[in-house]
PDB file of N, CA and C in Angstrom:
ATOM      1  N   MET A   1     103.756 265.191  86.779  1.00  0.00           N
ATOM      2  CA  MET A   1     104.124 266.319  87.612  1.00  0.00           C
ATOM      3  C   MET A   1     102.849 267.102  87.953  1.00  0.00           C
ATOM      4  N   LYS A   2     102.725 267.463  89.211  1.00  0.00           N
ATOM      5  CA  LYS A   2     101.567 268.224  89.654  1.00  0.00           C
ATOM      6  C   LYS A   2     101.581 269.620  89.038  1.00  0.00           C
ATOM      7  N   LEU A   3     100.411 270.212  88.964  1.00  0.00           N
ATOM      8  CA  LEU A   3     100.283 271.551  88.384  1.00  0.00           C
ATOM      9  C   LEU A   3     101.156 272.560  89.120  1.00  0.00           C
ATOM     10  N   GLN A   4     101.131 272.512  90.441  1.00  0.00           N
ATOM     11  CA  GLN A   4     101.951 273.459  91.212  1.00  0.00           C
ATOM     12  C   GLN A   4     103.435 273.272  90.902  1.00  0.00           C
ATOM     13  N   GLU A   5     103.877 272.034  90.878  1.00  0.00           N
ATOM     14  CA  GLU A   5     105.298 271.757  90.622  1.00  0.00           C
ATOM     15  C   GLU A   5     105.705 272.251  89.239  1.00  0.00           C
ATOM     16  N   LYS A   6     104.873 271.997  88.253  1.00  0.00           N
ATOM     17  CA  LYS A   6     105.177 272.438  86.893  1.00  0.00           C
ATOM     18  C   LYS A   6     105.207 273.956  86.820  1.00  0.00           C
ATOM     19  N   PHE A   7     104.229 274.596  87.442  1.00  0.00           N
ATOM     20  CA  PHE A   7     104.159 276.052  87.453  1.00  0.00           C
ATOM     21  C   PHE A   7     105.421 276.646  88.066  1.00  0.00           C
ATOM     22  N   TYR A   8     105.779 276.161  89.253  1.00  0.00           N
ATOM     23  CA  TYR A   8     106.960 276.698  89.927  1.00  0.00           C
ATOM     24  C   TYR A   8     108.249 276.392  89.163  1.00  0.00           C
ATOM     25  N   SER A   9     108.330 275.238  88.546  1.00  0.00           N
ATOM     26  CA  SER A   9     109.549 274.903  87.802  1.00  0.00           C
ATOM     27  C   SER A   9     109.744 275.829  86.612  1.00  0.00           C
ATOM     28  N   VAL A  10     108.659 276.279  86.009  1.00  0.00           N
ATOM     29  CA  VAL A  10     108.766 277.199  84.871  1.00  0.00           C
ATOM     30  C   VAL A  10     109.009 278.627  85.352  1.00  0.00           C
ATOM     31  N   ILE A  11     108.171 279.104  86.256  1.00  0.00           N
ATOM     32  CA  ILE A  11     108.224 280.503  86.693  1.00  0.00           C
ATOM     33  C   ILE A  11     109.481 280.823  87.493  1.00  0.00           C
ATOM     34  N   GLN A  12     109.954 279.883  88.291  1.00  0.00           N
ATOM     35  CA  GLN A  12     111.100 280.145  89.152  1.00  0.00           C
ATOM     36  C   GLN A  12     112.428 279.704  88.543  1.00  0.00           C
ATOM     37  N   ALA A  13     112.415 279.301  87.295  1.00  0.00           N
ATOM     38  CA  ALA A  13     113.665 278.908  86.645  1.00  0.00           C
ATOM     39  C   ALA A  13     114.596 280.114  86.588  1.00  0.00           C
ATOM     40  N   THR A  14     115.866 279.875  86.810  1.00  0.00           N
ATOM     41  CA  THR A  14     116.823 280.989  86.839  1.00  0.00           C
ATOM     42  C   THR A  14     116.903 281.713  85.501  1.00  0.00           C
ATOM     43  N   ASP A  15     116.650 281.004  84.418  1.00  0.00           N
ATOM     44  CA  ASP A  15     116.717 281.638  83.106  1.00  0.00           C
ATOM     45  C   ASP A  15     115.348 282.057  82.573  1.00  0.00           C
ATOM     46  N   PHE A  16     114.335 282.075  83.437  1.00  0.00           N
ATOM     47  CA  PHE A  16     112.990 282.414  82.985  1.00  0.00           C
ATOM     48  C   PHE A  16     112.905 283.789  82.327  1.00  0.00           C
ATOM     49  N   PRO A  17     113.488 284.844  82.913  1.00  0.00           N
ATOM     50  CA  PRO A  17     113.369 286.160  82.256  1.00  0.00           C
ATOM     51  C   PRO A  17     113.907 286.158  80.819  1.00  0.00           C
ATOM     52  N   ARG A  18     114.915 285.373  80.565  1.00  0.00           N
ATOM     53  CA  ARG A  18     115.485 285.306  79.218  1.00  0.00           C
ATOM     54  C   ARG A  18     114.669 284.359  78.337  1.00  0.00           C
ATOM     55  N   MET A  19     114.255 283.256  78.894  1.00  0.00           N
ATOM     56  CA  MET A  19     113.556 282.233  78.116  1.00  0.00           C
ATOM     57  C   MET A  19     112.090 282.578  77.846  1.00  0.00           C
ATOM     58  N   TYR A  20     111.536 283.528  78.599  1.00  0.00           N
ATOM     59  CA  TYR A  20     110.123 283.847  78.451  1.00  0.00           C
ATOM     60  C   TYR A  20     109.788 284.298  77.026  1.00  0.00           C
ATOM     61  N   GLN A  21     110.760 284.867  76.345  1.00  0.00           N
ATOM     62  CA  GLN A  21     110.516 285.357  74.995  1.00  0.00           C
ATOM     63  C   GLN A  21     110.489 284.245  73.945  1.00  0.00           C
ATOM     64  N   SER A  22     110.919 283.062  74.308  1.00  0.00           N
ATOM     65  CA  SER A  22     110.910 281.965  73.340  1.00  0.00           C
ATOM     66  C   SER A  22     109.489 281.440  73.160  1.00  0.00           C
ATOM     67  N   PRO A  23     109.127 281.069  71.932  1.00  0.00           N
ATOM     68  CA  PRO A  23     107.763 280.581  71.676  1.00  0.00           C
ATOM     69  C   PRO A  23     107.377 279.369  72.522  1.00  0.00           C
ATOM     70  N   ASP A  24     108.312 278.456  72.747  1.00  0.00           N
ATOM     71  CA  ASP A  24     108.004 277.268  73.550  1.00  0.00           C
ATOM     72  C   ASP A  24     107.663 277.632  74.993  1.00  0.00           C
ATOM     73  N   THR A  25     108.424 278.554  75.565  1.00  0.00           N
ATOM     74  CA  THR A  25     108.177 278.970  76.946  1.00  0.00           C
ATOM     75  C   THR A  25     106.869 279.738  77.045  1.00  0.00           C
ATOM     76  N   LYS A  26     106.616 280.618  76.084  1.00  0.00           N
ATOM     77  CA  LYS A  26     105.348 281.352  76.084  1.00  0.00           C
ATOM     78  C   LYS A  26     104.172 280.385  76.017  1.00  0.00           C
ATOM     79  N   GLU A  27     104.280 279.390  75.173  1.00  0.00           N
ATOM     80  CA  GLU A  27     103.212 278.398  75.033  1.00  0.00           C
ATOM     81  C   GLU A  27     103.009 277.629  76.342  1.00  0.00           C
ATOM     82  N   GLU A  28     104.101 277.273  76.988  1.00  0.00           N
ATOM     83  CA  GLU A  28     104.015 276.544  78.263  1.00  0.00           C
ATOM     84  C   GLU A  28     103.355 277.404  79.336  1.00  0.00           C
ATOM     85  N   VAL A  29     103.710 278.685  79.399  1.00  0.00           N
ATOM     86  CA  VAL A  29     103.120 279.586  80.384  1.00  0.00           C
ATOM     87  C   VAL A  29     101.622 279.749  80.115  1.00  0.00           C
ATOM     88  N   ILE A  30     101.254 279.899  78.859  1.00  0.00           N
ATOM     89  CA  ILE A  30      99.840 280.039  78.509  1.00  0.00           C
ATOM     90  C   ILE A  30      99.069 278.787  78.915  1.00  0.00           C
ATOM     91  N   LYS A  31      99.629 277.621  78.668  1.00  0.00           N
ATOM     92  CA  LYS A  31      98.964 276.368  79.059  1.00  0.00           C
ATOM     93  C   LYS A  31      98.786 276.296  80.574  1.00  0.00           C
ATOM     94  N   LEU A  32      99.814 276.693  81.303  1.00  0.00           N
ATOM     95  CA  LEU A  32      99.716 276.666  82.761  1.00  0.00           C
ATOM     96  C   LEU A  32      98.655 277.636  83.265  1.00  0.00           C
ATOM     97  N   LEU A  33      98.621 278.840  82.694  1.00  0.00           N
ATOM     98  CA  LEU A  33      97.613 279.815  83.110  1.00  0.00           C
ATOM     99  C   LEU A  33      96.204 279.333  82.760  1.00  0.00           C
ATOM    100  N   GLU A  34      96.058 278.694  81.624  1.00  0.00           N
ATOM    101  CA  GLU A  34      94.754 278.142  81.253  1.00  0.00           C
ATOM    102  C   GLU A  34      94.336 277.030  82.214  1.00  0.00           C
ATOM    103  N   CYS A  35      95.298 276.260  82.685  1.00  0.00           N
ATOM    104  CA  CYS A  35      94.988 275.235  83.697  1.00  0.00           C
ATOM    105  C   CYS A  35      94.506 275.877  84.981  1.00  0.00           C
ATOM    106  N   LEU A  36      95.134 276.978  85.387  1.00  0.00           N
ATOM    107  CA  LEU A  36      94.711 277.680  86.596  1.00  0.00           C
ATOM    108  C   LEU A  36      93.306 278.243  86.429  1.00  0.00           C
ATOM    109  N   VAL A  37      93.006 278.766  85.248  1.00  0.00           N
ATOM    110  CA  VAL A  37      91.658 279.255  84.966  1.00  0.00           C
ATOM    111  C   VAL A  37      90.657 278.106  85.072  1.00  0.00           C
ATOM    112  N   GLY A  38      91.014 276.956  84.541  1.00  0.00           N
ATOM    113  CA  GLY A  38      90.146 275.791  84.628  1.00  0.00           C
ATOM    114  C   GLY A  38      89.893 275.363  86.059  1.00  0.00           C
ATOM    115  N   VAL A  39      90.927 275.415  86.881  1.00  0.00           N
ATOM    116  CA  VAL A  39      90.763 275.081  88.297  1.00  0.00           C
ATOM    117  C   VAL A  39      89.789 276.062  88.945  1.00  0.00           C
ATOM    118  N   ALA A  40      89.962 277.345  88.662  1.00  0.00           N
ATOM    119  CA  ALA A  40      89.081 278.360  89.252  1.00  0.00           C
ATOM    120  C   ALA A  40      87.643 278.187  88.770  1.00  0.00           C
ATOM    121  N   LYS A  41      87.468 277.882  87.503  1.00  0.00           N
ATOM    122  CA  LYS A  41      86.116 277.702  86.964  1.00  0.00           C
ATOM    123  C   LYS A  41      85.436 276.461  87.545  1.00  0.00           C
ATOM    124  N   GLY A  42      86.210 275.515  88.003  1.00  0.00           N
ATOM    125  CA  GLY A  42      85.654 274.304  88.585  1.00  0.00           C
ATOM    126  C   GLY A  42      85.272 274.455  90.040  1.00  0.00           C
ATOM    127  N   SER A  43      85.373 275.658  90.557  1.00  0.00           N
ATOM    128  CA  SER A  43      85.089 275.860  91.979  1.00  0.00           C
ATOM    129  C   SER A  43      83.588 275.850  92.252  1.00  0.00           C
ATOM    130  N   ARG A  44      83.291 275.499  93.458  1.00  0.00           N
ATOM    131  CA  ARG A  44      81.924 275.534  93.984  1.00  0.00           C
ATOM    132  C   ARG A  44      81.994 276.153  95.370  1.00  0.00           C
ATOM    133  N   VAL A  45      80.875 276.494  95.882  1.00  0.00           N
ATOM    134  CA  VAL A  45      80.846 277.142  97.193  1.00  0.00           C
ATOM    135  C   VAL A  45      81.539 276.284  98.247  1.00  0.00           C
ATOM    136  N   ASN A  46      81.313 274.984  98.209  1.00  0.00           N
ATOM    137  CA  ASN A  46      81.891 274.120  99.237  1.00  0.00           C
ATOM    138  C   ASN A  46      83.378 273.841  99.016  1.00  0.00           C
ATOM    139  N   THR A  47      83.937 274.203  97.862  1.00  0.00           N
ATOM    140  CA  THR A  47      85.372 273.996  97.608  1.00  0.00           C
ATOM    141  C   THR A  47      86.143 275.303  97.494  1.00  0.00           C
ATOM    142  N   ALA A  48      85.463 276.425  97.645  1.00  0.00           N
ATOM    143  CA  ALA A  48      86.088 277.731  97.426  1.00  0.00           C
ATOM    144  C   ALA A  48      87.296 277.968  98.334  1.00  0.00           C
ATOM    145  N   GLU A  49      87.182 277.619  99.590  1.00  0.00           N
ATOM    146  CA  GLU A  49      88.289 277.865 100.520  1.00  0.00           C
ATOM    147  C   GLU A  49      89.517 277.036 100.155  1.00  0.00           C
ATOM    148  N   LYS A  50      89.310 275.785  99.809  1.00  0.00           N
ATOM    149  CA  LYS A  50      90.434 274.929  99.414  1.00  0.00           C
ATOM    150  C   LYS A  50      91.056 275.420  98.111  1.00  0.00           C
ATOM    151  N   LEU A  51      90.226 275.839  97.181  1.00  0.00           N
ATOM    152  CA  LEU A  51      90.750 276.346  95.911  1.00  0.00           C
ATOM    153  C   LEU A  51      91.511 277.654  96.112  1.00  0.00           C
ATOM    154  N   PHE A  52      91.016 278.501  96.999  1.00  0.00           N
ATOM    155  CA  PHE A  52      91.732 279.735  97.304  1.00  0.00           C
ATOM    156  C   PHE A  52      93.113 279.421  97.865  1.00  0.00           C
ATOM    157  N   ASP A  53      93.173 278.473  98.793  1.00  0.00           N
ATOM    158  CA  ASP A  53      94.457 278.081  99.379  1.00  0.00           C
ATOM    159  C   ASP A  53      95.408 277.526  98.316  1.00  0.00           C
ATOM    160  N   PHE A  54      94.860 276.873  97.312  1.00  0.00           N
ATOM    161  CA  PHE A  54      95.665 276.320  96.220  1.00  0.00           C
ATOM    162  C   PHE A  54      96.105 277.406  95.241  1.00  0.00           C
ATOM    163  N   LEU A  55      95.174 278.286  94.858  1.00  0.00           N
ATOM    164  CA  LEU A  55      95.449 279.258  93.802  1.00  0.00           C
ATOM    165  C   LEU A  55      96.195 280.506  94.273  1.00  0.00           C
ATOM    166  N   PHE A  56      95.960 280.945  95.487  1.00  0.00           N
ATOM    167  CA  PHE A  56      96.542 282.213  95.941  1.00  0.00           C
ATOM    168  C   PHE A  56      98.066 282.250  95.833  1.00  0.00           C
ATOM    169  N   PRO A  57      98.782 281.245  96.331  1.00  0.00           N
ATOM    170  CA  PRO A  57     100.244 281.290  96.199  1.00  0.00           C
ATOM    171  C   PRO A  57     100.701 281.296  94.731  1.00  0.00           C
ATOM    172  N   LEU A  58      99.998 280.575  93.890  1.00  0.00           N
ATOM    173  CA  LEU A  58     100.354 280.550  92.469  1.00  0.00           C
ATOM    174  C   LEU A  58     100.111 281.915  91.836  1.00  0.00           C
ATOM    175  N   CYS A  59      99.008 282.544  92.193  1.00  0.00           N
ATOM    176  CA  CYS A  59      98.700 283.863  91.641  1.00  0.00           C
ATOM    177  C   CYS A  59      99.716 284.916  92.083  1.00  0.00           C
ATOM    178  N   GLN A  60     100.230 284.779  93.288  1.00  0.00           N
ATOM    179  CA  GLN A  60     101.253 285.714  93.751  1.00  0.00           C
ATOM    180  C   GLN A  60     102.492 285.644  92.857  1.00  0.00           C
ATOM    181  N   HIS A  61     102.818 284.460  92.374  1.00  0.00           N
ATOM    182  CA  HIS A  61     103.982 284.298  91.502  1.00  0.00           C
ATOM    183  C   HIS A  61     103.710 284.770  90.081  1.00  0.00           C
ATOM    184  N   CYS A  62     102.459 284.987  89.748  1.00  0.00           N
ATOM    185  CA  CYS A  62     102.138 285.487  88.401  1.00  0.00           C
ATOM    186  C   CYS A  62     102.672 286.899  88.190  1.00  0.00           C
ATOM    187  N   VAL A  63     102.964 287.592  89.268  1.00  0.00           N
ATOM    188  CA  VAL A  63     103.543 288.931  89.152  1.00  0.00           C
ATOM    189  C   VAL A  63     104.859 288.860  88.366  1.00  0.00           C
ATOM    190  N   THR A  64     105.562 287.756  88.473  1.00  0.00           N
ATOM    191  CA  THR A  64     106.800 287.537  87.729  1.00  0.00           C
ATOM    192  C   THR A  64     106.563 287.670  86.231  1.00  0.00           C
ATOM    193  N   LEU A  65     105.395 287.285  85.790  1.00  0.00           N
ATOM    194  CA  LEU A  65     105.074 287.350  84.362  1.00  0.00           C
ATOM    195  C   LEU A  65     104.931 288.780  83.877  1.00  0.00           C
ATOM    196  N   LEU A  66     104.611 289.691  84.775  1.00  0.00           N
ATOM    197  CA  LEU A  66     104.415 291.084  84.393  1.00  0.00           C
ATOM    198  C   LEU A  66     105.731 291.855  84.330  1.00  0.00           C
ATOM    199  N   GLY A  67     106.763 291.313  84.963  1.00  0.00           N
ATOM    200  CA  GLY A  67     108.037 292.020  85.072  1.00  0.00           C
ATOM    201  C   GLY A  67     108.877 292.007  83.863  1.00  0.00           C
TER     202      GLY A  67
END
């Protein structure tokens, strides 16, 4: 499963607000966020625009984690 698909399947799950408190879900979210950090750290000047296009929509959904 692609990173985007996995991210959206976890964050947009209908039971996410309830399941977020479970240790397994927290661990999965942390792993996904660490993957996003890794993608960002792997950026270079010539790939910045493509990485922005990839990361921006995912980062917008991170607001769900704050709610």
